[in-house]
């Protein structure tokens, strides 16, 4: 089910991020270059890296990272089952806060899976 609150929060994040990029292009471009290099497929495939990125967002309790990386995980081809399996680790190691962010990750993933699904 598509959650309009998640779509609005994601859009707000993208607008804020783009504004910051305009205000500090050298720093932000360097950051995104580093991110792109880290996400490039190597011994760890791109789908697994996309999954890890969501899990790290949950582990660090970063709402905006969860929103951003859950959408990217859908686009990368992470399955719902893979996400649920990985989120189990974040709950074990993150306790109740980990559980809260795990549910945000799953809701965001489901929202974008439904939104991006071909009609």
Protein backbone atom coordinates (compact mmCIF):
# COMPACT_ATOMS: atom_id res chain seq x y z
CA UNK A 1 0.00 0.00 0.00
CA UNK A 2 1.30 3.43 -0.90
CA UNK A 3 1.73 5.61 2.19
CA UNK A 4 1.36 9.31 1.31
CA UNK A 5 3.23 10.34 4.48
CA UNK A 6 6.27 8.36 3.36
CA UNK A 7 6.09 9.87 -0.12
CA UNK A 8 5.85 13.37 1.39
CA UNK A 9 8.75 12.76 3.79
CA UNK A 10 10.88 11.39 0.97
CA UNK A 11 10.06 14.36 -1.25
CA UNK A 12 10.87 16.77 1.58
CA UNK A 13 14.23 15.06 2.09
CA UNK A 14 15.05 15.26 -1.63
CA UNK A 15 14.19 18.96 -1.74
CA UNK A 16 16.28 19.70 1.35
CA UNK A 17 19.17 17.62 0.00
CA UNK A 18 19.05 19.41 -3.34
CA UNK A 19 19.00 22.80 -1.61
CA UNK A 20 22.03 21.85 0.45
CA UNK A 21 23.75 20.62 -2.71
CA UNK A 22 23.15 24.03 -4.31
CA UNK A 23 24.51 25.83 -1.23
CA UNK A 24 27.59 23.65 -0.83
CA UNK A 25 28.26 21.96 -4.17
CA UNK A 26 31.90 20.99 -3.62
CA UNK A 27 31.24 19.17 -0.35
CA UNK A 28 28.05 17.47 -1.47
CA UNK A 29 29.45 16.40 -4.83
CA UNK A 30 32.47 14.92 -3.04
CA UNK A 31 30.13 13.07 -0.68
CA UNK A 32 28.06 11.67 -3.55
CA UNK A 33 31.21 10.67 -5.44
CA UNK A 34 32.33 8.73 -2.38
CA UNK A 35 28.89 7.12 -2.08
CA UNK A 36 28.88 6.18 -5.76
CA UNK A 37 32.33 4.60 -5.46
CA UNK A 38 31.27 2.62 -2.38
CA UNK A 39 28.05 1.43 -4.02
CA UNK A 40 29.75 0.28 -7.24
CA UNK A 41 29.61 -3.47 -7.66
CA UNK A 42 32.78 -5.27 -6.64
CA UNK A 43 33.11 -8.54 -4.75
CA UNK A 44 29.79 -7.56 -3.11
CA UNK A 45 27.05 -7.23 -5.73
CA UNK A 46 25.02 -4.04 -6.11
CA UNK A 47 21.79 -5.59 -4.76
CA UNK A 48 23.52 -6.69 -1.56
CA UNK A 49 25.10 -3.26 -1.15
CA UNK A 50 21.68 -1.63 -1.54
CA UNK A 51 20.34 -3.93 1.17
CA UNK A 52 23.28 -3.17 3.46
CA UNK A 53 22.69 0.58 2.97
CA UNK A 54 19.09 0.28 4.22
CA UNK A 55 20.20 -1.83 7.18
CA UNK A 56 22.89 0.70 8.11
CA UNK A 57 20.29 3.49 7.97
CA UNK A 58 18.14 1.48 10.38
CA UNK A 59 21.09 0.64 12.63
CA UNK A 60 22.09 4.32 12.80
CA UNK A 61 18.46 5.33 13.37
CA UNK A 62 18.55 7.79 10.48
CA UNK A 63 15.05 8.40 9.16
CA UNK A 64 16.30 10.15 6.04
CA UNK A 65 18.81 7.39 5.26
CA UNK A 66 16.06 4.80 5.67
CA UNK A 67 13.74 6.73 3.35
CA UNK A 68 16.42 7.23 0.71
CA UNK A 69 17.99 3.79 0.81
CA UNK A 70 14.72 1.84 1.01
CA UNK A 71 13.63 3.48 -2.24
CA UNK A 72 17.04 2.73 -3.78
CA UNK A 73 16.79 -0.88 -2.60
CA UNK A 74 13.53 -1.32 -4.51
CA UNK A 75 15.16 0.12 -7.62
CA UNK A 76 18.23 -2.13 -7.16
CA UNK A 77 16.09 -5.27 -7.01
CA UNK A 78 16.24 -6.12 -3.31
CA UNK A 79 13.35 -8.46 -2.48
CA UNK A 80 10.98 -7.89 0.40
CA UNK A 81 12.09 -11.22 1.83
CA UNK A 82 15.75 -10.15 1.77
CA UNK A 83 14.87 -6.90 3.53
CA UNK A 84 12.83 -8.66 6.22
CA UNK A 85 15.65 -11.14 6.82
CA UNK A 86 18.21 -8.35 7.20
CA UNK A 87 15.92 -6.25 9.37
CA UNK A 88 15.87 -9.12 11.86
CA UNK A 89 19.51 -8.33 12.60
CA UNK A 90 18.78 -4.66 13.16
CA UNK A 91 16.08 -5.57 15.68
CA UNK A 92 18.38 -7.99 17.51
CA UNK A 93 21.23 -5.48 17.72
CA UNK A 94 19.12 -2.32 17.97
CA UNK A 95 16.42 -3.34 20.42
CA UNK A 96 13.19 -1.35 20.49
CA UNK A 97 14.62 1.60 18.51
CA UNK A 98 15.89 -0.88 15.92
CA UNK A 99 12.39 -2.32 15.69
CA UNK A 100 10.89 1.12 15.18
CA UNK A 101 13.26 1.98 12.36
CA UNK A 102 12.86 -1.52 10.89
CA UNK A 103 9.13 -0.93 10.52
CA UNK A 104 9.84 2.43 8.85
CA UNK A 105 12.19 0.69 6.42
CA UNK A 106 9.62 -1.97 5.59
CA UNK A 107 6.79 0.56 5.17
CA UNK A 108 9.01 2.70 2.92
CA UNK A 109 10.11 -0.31 0.88
CA UNK A 110 6.48 -1.42 0.42
CA UNK A 111 5.40 2.09 -0.56
CA UNK A 112 8.02 2.34 -3.29
CA UNK A 113 7.56 -1.26 -4.41
CA UNK A 114 3.87 -0.49 -4.97
CA UNK A 115 4.54 2.94 -6.50
CA UNK A 116 7.21 1.69 -8.90
CA UNK A 117 5.43 -1.53 -9.86
CA UNK A 118 4.50 -1.52 -13.54
CA UNK A 119 0.78 -1.01 -14.07
